[in-house]
Amino acid sequence: MTISSRVAATAIASLFLISSAFAQTPAPATPAPAAKTEKKAEKPRSAESMQCSKDADAKSLHGKERKKFMSECKKAAKDAMAKPKT
């Protein structure tokens, strides 16, 4: 092998090594905010909400019907709590 072919082979080999180094993606500059990666803390459910959920389960309600029922049920429960019994 002549010197020029060795130089050419070395140049080609170095191009392959350098191209793999440039192909790697750099680390992100800033990490993602913790709020996006973690779930928000859920509020504790009220007793009225739990009871309305049990009632909806008993009626096998799902989707829009369940959402409507839950809304009306919780509203009725709040109204009942607001009115003092005499």
N, C-alpha and C. Protein backbone atom coordinates (compact mmCIF):
# COMPACT_ATOMS: atom_id res chain seq x y z
N MET A 1 0.85 -1.16 0.00
CA MET A 1 0.00 0.00 0.00
C MET A 1 0.90 1.24 0.00
N THR A 2 0.50 2.18 -0.79
CA THR A 2 1.30 3.39 -0.86
C THR A 2 0.86 4.38 0.20
N ILE A 3 1.63 5.36 0.41
CA ILE A 3 1.34 6.36 1.43
C ILE A 3 0.06 7.12 1.08
N SER A 4 -0.14 7.43 -0.17
CA SER A 4 -1.34 8.19 -0.56
C SER A 4 -2.61 7.37 -0.32
N SER A 5 -2.58 6.05 -0.53
CA SER A 5 -3.76 5.23 -0.28
C SER A 5 -4.02 5.10 1.22
N ARG A 6 -2.94 5.08 2.03
CA ARG A 6 -3.10 5.04 3.48
C ARG A 6 -3.71 6.34 3.99
N VAL A 7 -3.28 7.45 3.44
CA VAL A 7 -3.83 8.76 3.82
C VAL A 7 -5.30 8.83 3.44
N ALA A 8 -5.64 8.34 2.26
CA ALA A 8 -7.02 8.34 1.81
C ALA A 8 -7.89 7.45 2.71
N ALA A 9 -7.38 6.29 3.07
CA ALA A 9 -8.12 5.37 3.93
C ALA A 9 -8.31 5.97 5.31
N THR A 10 -7.29 6.64 5.81
CA THR A 10 -7.39 7.30 7.12
C THR A 10 -8.40 8.43 7.07
N ALA A 11 -8.40 9.19 5.99
CA ALA A 11 -9.34 10.30 5.84
C ALA A 11 -10.77 9.79 5.80
N ILE A 12 -11.01 8.72 5.07
CA ILE A 12 -12.36 8.16 4.97
C ILE A 12 -12.81 7.62 6.33
N ALA A 13 -11.92 6.92 7.02
CA ALA A 13 -12.25 6.38 8.34
C ALA A 13 -12.57 7.51 9.32
N SER A 14 -11.78 8.58 9.27
CA SER A 14 -12.04 9.69 10.18
C SER A 14 -13.36 10.39 9.86
N LEU A 15 -13.74 10.45 8.58
CA LEU A 15 -15.04 11.03 8.20
C LEU A 15 -16.19 10.22 8.80
N PHE A 16 -16.07 8.89 8.76
CA PHE A 16 -17.11 8.06 9.35
C PHE A 16 -17.22 8.28 10.86
N LEU A 17 -16.10 8.39 11.53
CA LEU A 17 -16.10 8.61 12.98
C LEU A 17 -16.64 9.99 13.34
N ILE A 18 -16.25 10.99 12.57
CA ILE A 18 -16.71 12.36 12.85
C ILE A 18 -18.19 12.50 12.57
N SER A 19 -18.68 11.88 11.50
CA SER A 19 -20.10 12.00 11.16
C SER A 19 -20.98 11.37 12.24
N SER A 20 -20.52 10.28 12.85
CA SER A 20 -21.32 9.68 13.92
C SER A 20 -21.33 10.58 15.16
N ALA A 21 -20.25 11.32 15.39
CA ALA A 21 -20.22 12.24 16.53
C ALA A 21 -21.18 13.40 16.31
N PHE A 22 -21.28 13.88 15.09
CA PHE A 22 -22.19 14.99 14.80
C PHE A 22 -23.65 14.53 14.72
N ALA A 23 -23.87 13.26 14.50
CA ALA A 23 -25.24 12.75 14.38
C ALA A 23 -25.94 12.66 15.73
N GLN A 24 -25.19 12.66 16.81
CA GLN A 24 -25.80 12.57 18.12
C GLN A 24 -26.51 13.88 18.44
N THR A 25 -27.68 13.77 19.04
CA THR A 25 -28.42 14.96 19.40
C THR A 25 -27.92 15.51 20.72
N PRO A 26 -27.81 16.82 20.83
CA PRO A 26 -27.34 17.40 22.08
C PRO A 26 -28.43 17.34 23.15
N ALA A 27 -28.03 17.43 24.38
CA ALA A 27 -28.98 17.43 25.49
C ALA A 27 -29.78 18.72 25.44
N PRO A 28 -31.06 18.69 25.84
CA PRO A 28 -31.86 19.92 25.83
C PRO A 28 -31.26 20.96 26.77
N ALA A 29 -31.36 22.22 26.36
CA ALA A 29 -30.76 23.30 27.13
C ALA A 29 -31.42 23.45 28.50
N THR A 30 -32.74 23.37 28.54
CA THR A 30 -33.45 23.49 29.81
C THR A 30 -34.38 22.29 29.97
N PRO A 31 -34.44 21.73 31.15
CA PRO A 31 -35.35 20.60 31.37
C PRO A 31 -36.80 21.07 31.35
N ALA A 32 -37.69 20.14 31.08
CA ALA A 32 -39.11 20.45 31.05
C ALA A 32 -39.57 20.85 32.44
N PRO A 33 -40.50 21.78 32.54
CA PRO A 33 -41.00 22.18 33.86
C PRO A 33 -41.62 20.99 34.58
N ALA A 34 -41.49 20.97 35.88
CA ALA A 34 -42.00 19.85 36.68
C ALA A 34 -43.52 19.78 36.63
N ALA A 35 -44.19 20.91 36.44
CA ALA A 35 -45.65 20.93 36.42
C ALA A 35 -46.20 20.13 35.24
N LYS A 36 -45.49 20.12 34.13
CA LYS A 36 -45.98 19.39 32.97
C LYS A 36 -45.76 17.89 33.10
N THR A 37 -44.72 17.50 33.81
CA THR A 37 -44.43 16.08 33.91
C THR A 37 -45.22 15.42 35.03
N GLU A 38 -45.61 16.16 36.04
CA GLU A 38 -46.36 15.59 37.15
C GLU A 38 -47.84 15.93 37.00
N LYS A 39 -48.68 15.06 37.50
CA LYS A 39 -50.11 15.33 37.49
C LYS A 39 -50.42 16.38 38.55
N LYS A 40 -51.42 17.17 38.27
CA LYS A 40 -51.84 18.15 39.25
C LYS A 40 -52.44 17.42 40.45
N ALA A 41 -52.27 18.01 41.59
CA ALA A 41 -52.85 17.42 42.79
C ALA A 41 -54.37 17.54 42.71
N GLU A 42 -55.04 16.44 42.89
CA GLU A 42 -56.49 16.44 42.79
C GLU A 42 -57.10 16.92 44.09
N LYS A 43 -58.21 17.65 43.95
CA LYS A 43 -58.93 18.11 45.13
C LYS A 43 -59.65 16.92 45.75
N PRO A 44 -59.75 16.91 47.05
CA PRO A 44 -60.53 15.83 47.67
C PRO A 44 -62.00 15.98 47.29
N ARG A 45 -62.63 14.86 47.02
CA ARG A 45 -64.03 14.89 46.59
C ARG A 45 -64.95 15.05 47.79
N SER A 46 -65.99 15.82 47.58
CA SER A 46 -66.95 16.06 48.66
C SER A 46 -67.85 14.83 48.83
N ALA A 47 -68.51 14.78 49.95
CA ALA A 47 -69.42 13.67 50.22
C ALA A 47 -70.57 13.67 49.21
N GLU A 48 -71.04 14.88 48.85
CA GLU A 48 -72.13 14.98 47.87
C GLU A 48 -71.68 14.42 46.52
N SER A 49 -70.47 14.75 46.13
CA SER A 49 -69.94 14.27 44.86
C SER A 49 -69.81 12.75 44.85
N MET A 50 -69.34 12.20 45.95
CA MET A 50 -69.19 10.75 46.05
C MET A 50 -70.55 10.06 45.97
N GLN A 51 -71.56 10.62 46.65
CA GLN A 51 -72.89 10.02 46.62
C GLN A 51 -73.50 10.11 45.23
N CYS A 52 -73.33 11.26 44.58
CA CYS A 52 -73.85 11.42 43.22
C CYS A 52 -73.17 10.44 42.27
N SER A 53 -71.88 10.21 42.46
CA SER A 53 -71.15 9.26 41.62
C SER A 53 -71.69 7.84 41.82
N LYS A 54 -71.97 7.47 43.07
CA LYS A 54 -72.53 6.15 43.35
C LYS A 54 -73.91 6.00 42.71
N ASP A 55 -74.71 7.08 42.77
CA ASP A 55 -76.04 7.05 42.15
C ASP A 55 -75.93 6.89 40.64
N ALA A 56 -74.97 7.59 40.03
CA ALA A 56 -74.77 7.49 38.58
C ALA A 56 -74.31 6.09 38.20
N ASP A 57 -73.46 5.50 39.04
CA ASP A 57 -73.02 4.12 38.78
C ASP A 57 -74.21 3.16 38.86
N ALA A 58 -75.07 3.37 39.84
CA ALA A 58 -76.23 2.50 40.00
C ALA A 58 -77.16 2.59 38.80
N LYS A 59 -77.23 3.77 38.19
CA LYS A 59 -78.07 3.96 37.01
C LYS A 59 -77.34 3.63 35.71
N SER A 60 -76.07 3.21 35.81
CA SER A 60 -75.24 2.86 34.65
C SER A 60 -75.15 4.00 33.64
N LEU A 61 -74.94 5.20 34.14
CA LEU A 61 -74.83 6.36 33.27
C LEU A 61 -73.38 6.54 32.83
N HIS A 62 -73.20 6.92 31.56
CA HIS A 62 -71.87 7.15 31.00
C HIS A 62 -71.92 8.35 30.06
N GLY A 63 -70.78 8.98 29.88
CA GLY A 63 -70.66 10.07 28.91
C GLY A 63 -71.43 11.31 29.29
N LYS A 64 -72.10 11.87 28.29
CA LYS A 64 -72.82 13.13 28.49
C LYS A 64 -73.95 12.99 29.51
N GLU A 65 -74.63 11.85 29.48
CA GLU A 65 -75.73 11.64 30.43
C GLU A 65 -75.20 11.67 31.87
N ARG A 66 -74.06 11.03 32.09
CA ARG A 66 -73.47 11.01 33.44
C ARG A 66 -73.06 12.41 33.86
N LYS A 67 -72.43 13.14 32.96
CA LYS A 67 -71.99 14.50 33.28
C LYS A 67 -73.18 15.39 33.64
N LYS A 68 -74.25 15.27 32.88
CA LYS A 68 -75.45 16.07 33.15
C LYS A 68 -76.06 15.67 34.50
N PHE A 69 -76.16 14.36 34.74
CA PHE A 69 -76.71 13.88 36.00
C PHE A 69 -75.87 14.35 37.18
N MET A 70 -74.55 14.25 37.07
CA MET A 70 -73.66 14.65 38.16
C MET A 70 -73.82 16.14 38.46
N SER A 71 -73.91 16.94 37.42
CA SER A 71 -74.06 18.39 37.59
C SER A 71 -75.36 18.71 38.33
N GLU A 72 -76.46 18.10 37.88
CA GLU A 72 -77.76 18.35 38.51
C GLU A 72 -77.79 17.82 39.95
N CYS A 73 -77.19 16.66 40.16
CA CYS A 73 -77.19 16.05 41.49
C CYS A 73 -76.41 16.91 42.48
N LYS A 74 -75.22 17.36 42.08
CA LYS A 74 -74.40 18.18 42.99
C LYS A 74 -75.06 19.53 43.26
N LYS A 75 -75.73 20.07 42.24
CA LYS A 75 -76.43 21.34 42.43
C LYS A 75 -77.58 21.16 43.41
N ALA A 76 -78.33 20.08 43.26
CA ALA A 76 -79.44 19.80 44.17
C ALA A 76 -78.93 19.57 45.59
N ALA A 77 -77.79 18.91 45.73
CA ALA A 77 -77.22 18.66 47.05
C ALA A 77 -76.79 19.97 47.71
N LYS A 78 -76.20 20.87 46.93
CA LYS A 78 -75.81 22.17 47.48
C LYS A 78 -77.02 22.98 47.91
N ASP A 79 -78.07 22.95 47.08
CA ASP A 79 -79.29 23.68 47.43
C ASP A 79 -79.92 23.12 48.70
N ALA A 80 -79.91 21.81 48.84
CA ALA A 80 -80.49 21.18 50.02
C ALA A 80 -79.68 21.54 51.28
N MET A 81 -78.38 21.66 51.14
CA MET A 81 -77.52 22.02 52.28
C MET A 81 -77.69 23.49 52.64
N ALA A 82 -77.98 24.32 51.64
CA ALA A 82 -78.11 25.77 51.87
C ALA A 82 -79.42 26.11 52.60
N LYS A 83 -80.44 25.35 52.33
CA LYS A 83 -81.74 25.62 52.97
C LYS A 83 -81.76 24.99 54.35
N PRO A 84 -81.94 25.79 55.38
CA PRO A 84 -82.02 25.21 56.73
C PRO A 84 -83.35 24.49 56.94
N LYS A 85 -83.29 23.35 57.56
CA LYS A 85 -84.50 22.59 57.85
C LYS A 85 -85.09 23.09 59.15
N THR A 86 -86.35 23.45 59.12
CA THR A 86 -87.04 23.95 60.33
C THR A 86 -88.20 23.07 60.70
